[in-house]
Amino acid sequence: MSRFNQLVAGGILLFLSGFLYTLERIALYIRWYAEISTGNWLEKPTFVDPFLQNWFVTLFLFAAIPFFLAAMNVTQKTSPSENPTDS
């Protein structure tokens, strides 16, 4: 896998993790605002932790890390003779 492909895969996984986290937060706030509009709401909104409730957020986040680390490792293995632009 090339460095570019590893960076793209890591970026996509990181984006998916953040996107799912954001969607869950939006859904929780919509539910809380709906409870407020009816006049029956709890004094403190009950927000769950998406990292513990939705394993996909955590999975995508931790799956992105090895891709970024592997992409950085590829740059360290490149010798100057293979990359003439690094003079």
N, C-alpha and C. Protein backbone atom coordinates (compact mmCIF):
# COMPACT_ATOMS: atom_id res chain seq x y z
N MET A 1 0.84 -1.17 0.00
CA MET A 1 0.00 0.00 0.00
C MET A 1 0.89 1.24 0.00
N SER A 2 0.59 2.18 -0.86
CA SER A 2 1.41 3.38 -0.94
C SER A 2 1.08 4.34 0.21
N ARG A 3 1.94 5.31 0.38
CA ARG A 3 1.75 6.29 1.46
C ARG A 3 0.44 7.05 1.26
N PHE A 4 0.16 7.42 0.01
CA PHE A 4 -1.07 8.15 -0.28
C PHE A 4 -2.30 7.34 0.09
N ASN A 5 -2.31 6.05 -0.27
CA ASN A 5 -3.46 5.19 0.05
C ASN A 5 -3.63 5.04 1.56
N GLN A 6 -2.52 4.94 2.28
CA GLN A 6 -2.62 4.83 3.74
C GLN A 6 -3.16 6.11 4.35
N LEU A 7 -2.72 7.26 3.85
CA LEU A 7 -3.23 8.53 4.36
C LEU A 7 -4.71 8.70 4.04
N VAL A 8 -5.12 8.30 2.85
CA VAL A 8 -6.53 8.40 2.47
C VAL A 8 -7.38 7.47 3.34
N ALA A 9 -6.93 6.24 3.54
CA ALA A 9 -7.69 5.29 4.37
C ALA A 9 -7.78 5.80 5.80
N GLY A 10 -6.68 6.31 6.34
CA GLY A 10 -6.71 6.86 7.69
C GLY A 10 -7.62 8.07 7.79
N GLY A 11 -7.58 8.93 6.78
CA GLY A 11 -8.43 10.11 6.77
C GLY A 11 -9.91 9.76 6.68
N ILE A 12 -10.23 8.78 5.86
CA ILE A 12 -11.63 8.35 5.73
C ILE A 12 -12.14 7.76 7.04
N LEU A 13 -11.33 6.93 7.68
CA LEU A 13 -11.75 6.34 8.95
C LEU A 13 -11.89 7.40 10.04
N LEU A 14 -10.99 8.36 10.06
CA LEU A 14 -11.08 9.44 11.04
C LEU A 14 -12.32 10.30 10.78
N PHE A 15 -12.60 10.57 9.51
CA PHE A 15 -13.80 11.32 9.16
C PHE A 15 -15.06 10.57 9.57
N LEU A 16 -15.12 9.27 9.31
CA LEU A 16 -16.30 8.48 9.67
C LEU A 16 -16.52 8.47 11.18
N SER A 17 -15.43 8.38 11.93
CA SER A 17 -15.54 8.40 13.38
C SER A 17 -16.13 9.73 13.86
N GLY A 18 -15.60 10.82 13.36
CA GLY A 18 -16.11 12.14 13.74
C GLY A 18 -17.53 12.37 13.26
N PHE A 19 -17.85 11.88 12.07
CA PHE A 19 -19.19 12.05 11.52
C PHE A 19 -20.23 11.31 12.34
N LEU A 20 -19.94 10.06 12.71
CA LEU A 20 -20.87 9.30 13.54
C LEU A 20 -21.04 9.93 14.91
N TYR A 21 -19.94 10.42 15.48
CA TYR A 21 -20.01 11.08 16.78
C TYR A 21 -20.90 12.33 16.70
N THR A 22 -20.73 13.11 15.63
CA THR A 22 -21.53 14.31 15.45
C THR A 22 -23.00 13.98 15.25
N LEU A 23 -23.30 12.95 14.45
CA LEU A 23 -24.70 12.57 14.24
C LEU A 23 -25.37 12.13 15.54
N GLU A 24 -24.62 11.41 16.38
CA GLU A 24 -25.20 10.98 17.65
C GLU A 24 -25.46 12.17 18.57
N ARG A 25 -24.55 13.14 18.59
CA ARG A 25 -24.76 14.32 19.42
C ARG A 25 -25.96 15.12 18.92
N ILE A 26 -26.10 15.24 17.60
CA ILE A 26 -27.25 15.96 17.04
C ILE A 26 -28.55 15.26 17.43
N ALA A 27 -28.58 13.94 17.33
CA ALA A 27 -29.78 13.19 17.69
C ALA A 27 -30.13 13.38 19.17
N LEU A 28 -29.11 13.40 20.02
CA LEU A 28 -29.37 13.59 21.45
C LEU A 28 -29.91 14.98 21.74
N TYR A 29 -29.36 15.99 21.09
CA TYR A 29 -29.86 17.35 21.30
C TYR A 29 -31.27 17.53 20.75
N ILE A 30 -31.57 16.92 19.62
CA ILE A 30 -32.93 17.01 19.07
C ILE A 30 -33.92 16.37 20.03
N ARG A 31 -33.55 15.24 20.59
CA ARG A 31 -34.44 14.58 21.56
C ARG A 31 -34.65 15.46 22.79
N TRP A 32 -33.58 16.08 23.28
CA TRP A 32 -33.71 16.93 24.46
C TRP A 32 -34.55 18.17 24.16
N TYR A 33 -34.35 18.79 22.98
CA TYR A 33 -35.16 19.94 22.60
C TYR A 33 -36.62 19.56 22.41
N ALA A 34 -36.88 18.35 21.94
CA ALA A 34 -38.27 17.89 21.80
C ALA A 34 -38.91 17.73 23.18
N GLU A 35 -38.15 17.25 24.15
CA GLU A 35 -38.68 17.14 25.51
C GLU A 35 -38.94 18.52 26.11
N ILE A 36 -38.10 19.48 25.81
CA ILE A 36 -38.29 20.84 26.33
C ILE A 36 -39.55 21.45 25.74
N SER A 37 -39.80 21.22 24.46
CA SER A 37 -40.96 21.83 23.81
C SER A 37 -42.28 21.30 24.36
N THR A 38 -42.29 20.09 24.90
CA THR A 38 -43.53 19.56 25.48
C THR A 38 -43.75 20.07 26.90
N GLY A 39 -42.72 20.62 27.51
CA GLY A 39 -42.85 21.11 28.87
C GLY A 39 -42.49 20.08 29.91
N ASN A 40 -42.26 18.86 29.52
CA ASN A 40 -41.87 17.80 30.45
C ASN A 40 -40.43 17.40 30.16
N TRP A 41 -39.52 17.94 30.90
CA TRP A 41 -38.13 17.57 30.70
C TRP A 41 -37.45 17.37 32.03
N LEU A 42 -36.38 16.63 31.97
CA LEU A 42 -35.60 16.40 33.17
C LEU A 42 -34.78 17.65 33.46
N GLU A 43 -34.42 17.82 34.73
CA GLU A 43 -33.61 18.98 35.07
C GLU A 43 -32.26 18.93 34.38
N LYS A 44 -31.73 17.74 34.26
CA LYS A 44 -30.44 17.56 33.62
C LYS A 44 -30.63 16.60 32.45
N PRO A 45 -30.24 16.98 31.25
CA PRO A 45 -30.41 16.05 30.12
C PRO A 45 -29.52 14.83 30.29
N THR A 46 -30.05 13.69 29.90
CA THR A 46 -29.30 12.45 30.02
C THR A 46 -28.60 12.16 28.70
N PHE A 47 -27.34 12.51 28.63
CA PHE A 47 -26.55 12.26 27.44
C PHE A 47 -25.68 11.04 27.69
N VAL A 48 -25.70 10.14 26.73
CA VAL A 48 -24.86 8.95 26.84
C VAL A 48 -23.53 9.23 26.16
N ASP A 49 -22.53 8.47 26.53
CA ASP A 49 -21.22 8.63 25.93
C ASP A 49 -21.15 7.80 24.65
N PRO A 50 -21.01 8.44 23.48
CA PRO A 50 -20.99 7.66 22.23
C PRO A 50 -19.80 6.72 22.13
N PHE A 51 -18.70 7.02 22.82
CA PHE A 51 -17.54 6.14 22.75
C PHE A 51 -17.82 4.81 23.44
N LEU A 52 -18.69 4.81 24.42
CA LEU A 52 -19.01 3.56 25.11
C LEU A 52 -20.25 2.88 24.53
N GLN A 53 -21.18 3.65 23.98
CA GLN A 53 -22.42 3.09 23.48
C GLN A 53 -22.31 2.62 22.03
N ASN A 54 -21.60 3.36 21.21
CA ASN A 54 -21.47 3.01 19.80
C ASN A 54 -20.02 2.60 19.53
N TRP A 55 -19.81 1.33 19.31
CA TRP A 55 -18.45 0.82 19.13
C TRP A 55 -17.87 1.20 17.78
N PHE A 56 -18.69 1.61 16.82
CA PHE A 56 -18.17 1.99 15.51
C PHE A 56 -17.34 3.27 15.60
N VAL A 57 -17.75 4.20 16.45
CA VAL A 57 -16.98 5.44 16.62
C VAL A 57 -15.59 5.11 17.12
N THR A 58 -15.51 4.29 18.15
CA THR A 58 -14.22 3.91 18.72
C THR A 58 -13.42 3.06 17.73
N LEU A 59 -14.09 2.14 17.06
CA LEU A 59 -13.41 1.27 16.10
C LEU A 59 -12.78 2.07 14.96
N PHE A 60 -13.54 2.99 14.36
CA PHE A 60 -13.01 3.80 13.27
C PHE A 60 -11.88 4.71 13.75
N LEU A 61 -12.02 5.24 14.95
CA LEU A 61 -10.98 6.13 15.48
C LEU A 61 -9.67 5.38 15.68
N PHE A 62 -9.74 4.21 16.31
CA PHE A 62 -8.51 3.46 16.57
C PHE A 62 -8.00 2.73 15.32
N ALA A 63 -8.85 2.51 14.33
CA ALA A 63 -8.38 1.91 13.08
C ALA A 63 -7.64 2.92 12.22
N ALA A 64 -7.94 4.20 12.39
CA ALA A 64 -7.26 5.24 11.62
C ALA A 64 -5.82 5.43 12.08
N ILE A 65 -5.55 5.20 13.34
CA ILE A 65 -4.21 5.44 13.89
C ILE A 65 -3.14 4.58 13.21
N PRO A 66 -3.33 3.26 13.05
CA PRO A 66 -2.27 2.48 12.37
C PRO A 66 -2.01 2.91 10.93
N PHE A 67 -3.05 3.37 10.24
CA PHE A 67 -2.83 3.84 8.87
C PHE A 67 -1.95 5.08 8.84
N PHE A 68 -2.20 6.02 9.76
CA PHE A 68 -1.36 7.21 9.81
C PHE A 68 0.07 6.86 10.24
N LEU A 69 0.21 5.96 11.20
CA LEU A 69 1.54 5.55 11.64
C LEU A 69 2.29 4.83 10.53
N ALA A 70 1.60 3.98 9.78
CA ALA A 70 2.24 3.28 8.67
C ALA A 70 2.65 4.26 7.57
N ALA A 71 1.84 5.27 7.33
CA ALA A 71 2.18 6.27 6.31
C ALA A 71 3.41 7.07 6.74
N MET A 72 3.54 7.37 8.02
CA MET A 72 4.72 8.08 8.50
C MET A 72 5.95 7.18 8.44
N ASN A 73 5.77 5.89 8.68
CA ASN A 73 6.88 4.94 8.64
C ASN A 73 7.41 4.78 7.23
N VAL A 74 6.56 4.89 6.23
CA VAL A 74 6.98 4.78 4.83
C VAL A 74 7.95 5.91 4.50
N THR A 75 7.69 7.10 5.01
CA THR A 75 8.58 8.23 4.71
C THR A 75 9.94 8.05 5.38
N GLN A 76 10.00 7.38 6.50
CA GLN A 76 11.28 7.16 7.16
C GLN A 76 12.11 6.11 6.44
N LYS A 77 11.48 5.17 5.75
CA LYS A 77 12.20 4.10 5.06
C LYS A 77 12.70 4.53 3.68
N THR A 78 12.23 5.66 3.17
CA THR A 78 12.63 6.10 1.85
C THR A 78 14.05 6.64 1.90
N SER A 79 14.91 6.12 1.06
CA SER A 79 16.29 6.59 1.03
C SER A 79 16.42 7.78 0.08
N PRO A 80 17.45 8.61 0.24
CA PRO A 80 17.60 9.78 -0.65
C PRO A 80 17.76 9.40 -2.11
N SER A 81 18.32 8.23 -2.40
CA SER A 81 18.48 7.85 -3.81
C SER A 81 17.14 7.53 -4.47
N GLU A 82 16.16 7.11 -3.67
CA GLU A 82 14.84 6.81 -4.23
C GLU A 82 14.02 8.08 -4.41
N ASN A 83 14.32 9.11 -3.63
CA ASN A 83 13.56 10.35 -3.69
C ASN A 83 14.52 11.50 -3.98
N PRO A 84 14.77 11.83 -5.24
CA PRO A 84 15.77 12.84 -5.58
C PRO A 84 15.38 14.26 -5.19
N THR A 85 14.13 14.50 -4.82
CA THR A 85 13.73 15.86 -4.46
C THR A 85 14.22 16.26 -3.08
N ASP A 86 14.62 15.31 -2.24
CA ASP A 86 15.14 15.62 -0.91
C ASP A 86 16.64 15.84 -0.98
N SER A 87 17.07 16.97 -1.46
CA SER A 87 18.52 17.24 -1.58
C SER A 87 19.04 17.92 -0.35
